[in-house]
Amino acid sequence: MRSFVSAVAGLTLCAASLAVTASVTESDMLGNAAQPSAAQRTVVIDAKTRWVTVERGDVVRFVANGQEFAWAFNGMSSSFDLNRVAPNGTLGRQLKVYVWPNAEDLADK
């Protein structure tokens, strides 16, 4: 009987964790689009740009190939391909963005 109760409890916990995981959206992970006017800084991406580093909470305006977009880095990811959030054709190649913890994140530790 004890092993049956343990098995049911384990299955219940697994189901609960799947429900929580399923509710995490791409916006939760990566952040969200922002108005370029809300940007705190501008990053111009050219052929020499190898990666971009930002802090969590930053709103950054990106300029590449004559196009621009802005992104609020308020998600949970620590790095991702910027093409995942850039308008199609803006970058023309893979470019990794690294999201560093901000002072508030570090103060929580």
Protein backbone atom coordinates (compact mmCIF):
# COMPACT_ATOMS: atom_id res chain seq x y z
CA MET A 1 0.00 0.00 0.00
CA ARG A 2 2.83 2.40 0.85
CA SER A 3 4.47 1.96 -2.54
CA PHE A 4 1.12 2.63 -4.24
CA VAL A 5 0.72 5.91 -2.29
CA SER A 6 4.32 6.86 -3.12
CA ALA A 7 3.73 6.16 -6.80
CA VAL A 8 0.54 8.23 -6.88
CA ALA A 9 2.29 11.09 -5.06
CA GLY A 10 5.18 10.94 -7.53
CA LEU A 11 2.87 10.99 -10.52
CA THR A 12 0.95 13.92 -9.06
CA LEU A 13 4.17 15.91 -8.61
CA CYS A 14 5.25 15.10 -12.18
CA ALA A 15 1.91 16.25 -13.56
CA ALA A 16 2.07 19.47 -11.54
CA SER A 17 5.59 20.26 -12.77
CA LEU A 18 4.53 19.66 -16.39
CA ALA A 19 1.62 22.07 -15.96
CA VAL A 20 3.96 24.76 -14.63
CA THR A 21 6.49 24.19 -17.42
CA ALA A 22 3.79 24.36 -20.08
CA SER A 23 2.75 27.83 -18.93
CA VAL A 24 6.18 29.40 -19.60
CA THR A 25 5.97 31.40 -22.84
CA GLU A 26 8.65 32.53 -25.27
CA SER A 27 8.16 36.04 -23.92
CA ASP A 28 8.90 34.75 -20.41
CA MET A 29 12.16 33.30 -21.70
CA LEU A 30 13.41 35.98 -24.10
CA GLY A 31 11.68 39.25 -23.20
CA ASN A 32 9.48 41.26 -25.51
CA ALA A 33 9.48 43.76 -28.36
CA ALA A 34 9.74 47.41 -27.39
CA GLN A 35 9.37 50.80 -29.03
CA PRO A 36 12.73 52.12 -30.30
CA SER A 37 12.01 55.38 -28.45
CA ALA A 38 12.06 53.44 -25.14
CA ALA A 39 15.62 52.21 -25.74
CA GLN A 40 18.31 53.07 -23.22
CA ARG A 41 21.07 52.44 -25.77
CA THR A 42 21.60 51.69 -29.44
CA VAL A 43 23.70 48.86 -30.85
CA VAL A 44 24.75 49.14 -34.48
CA ILE A 45 25.34 45.68 -35.92
CA ASP A 46 27.82 45.39 -38.77
CA ALA A 47 30.04 42.69 -40.28
CA LYS A 48 32.52 43.02 -37.37
CA THR A 49 29.89 42.44 -34.65
CA ARG A 50 30.57 38.99 -33.18
CA TRP A 51 28.09 39.08 -30.28
CA VAL A 52 26.05 41.51 -28.19
CA THR A 53 26.09 41.81 -24.41
CA VAL A 54 23.21 43.37 -22.47
CA GLU A 55 21.97 43.42 -18.88
CA ARG A 56 18.66 41.92 -17.85
CA GLY A 57 16.09 44.72 -17.88
CA ASP A 58 17.82 46.71 -20.64
CA VAL A 59 15.79 48.03 -23.56
CA VAL A 60 18.08 48.10 -26.58
CA ARG A 61 17.57 49.50 -30.08
CA PHE A 62 19.36 47.50 -32.77
CA VAL A 63 20.28 48.93 -36.17
CA ALA A 64 21.38 46.50 -38.90
CA ASN A 65 21.26 46.54 -42.69
CA GLY A 66 19.25 49.77 -42.76
CA GLN A 67 16.56 48.36 -40.46
CA GLU A 68 15.93 48.79 -36.75
CA PHE A 69 14.08 47.08 -33.93
CA ALA A 70 14.07 47.31 -30.16
CA TRP A 71 13.94 44.58 -27.55
CA ALA A 72 13.31 44.59 -23.78
CA PHE A 73 15.56 41.97 -22.21
CA ASN A 74 13.31 41.08 -19.28
CA GLY A 75 13.15 37.32 -19.86
CA MET A 76 14.82 34.43 -18.08
CA SER A 77 17.31 33.35 -20.79
CA SER A 78 20.99 34.09 -20.31
CA SER A 79 21.77 33.86 -24.03
CA PHE A 80 20.01 33.23 -27.33
CA ASP A 81 20.28 33.85 -31.07
CA LEU A 82 19.15 37.42 -31.72
CA ASN A 83 17.46 36.19 -34.93
CA ARG A 84 14.78 34.64 -32.72
CA VAL A 85 13.46 38.14 -31.96
CA ALA A 86 14.71 40.25 -34.89
CA PRO A 87 12.40 40.93 -37.84
CA ASN A 88 13.04 38.48 -40.71
CA GLY A 89 16.09 39.39 -42.78
CA THR A 90 17.33 42.14 -40.47
CA LEU A 91 20.55 40.43 -39.37
CA GLY A 92 21.26 38.08 -42.25
CA ARG A 93 23.31 35.76 -39.99
CA GLN A 94 23.36 34.22 -36.55
CA LEU A 95 24.32 36.58 -33.75
CA LYS A 96 24.36 35.55 -30.10
CA VAL A 97 23.13 37.94 -27.42
CA TYR A 98 24.38 37.39 -23.86
CA VAL A 99 22.12 38.64 -21.08
CA TRP A 100 24.03 39.39 -17.88
CA PRO A 101 22.38 39.74 -14.48
CA ASN A 102 21.69 43.33 -13.45
CA ALA A 103 22.43 44.84 -10.03
CA GLU A 104 18.95 43.92 -8.77
CA ASP A 105 19.47 40.27 -9.79
CA LEU A 106 22.81 40.18 -7.96
CA ALA A 107 21.37 41.82 -4.85
CA ASP A 108 18.86 38.95 -4.50
CA LYS A 109 21.66 36.42 -3.97
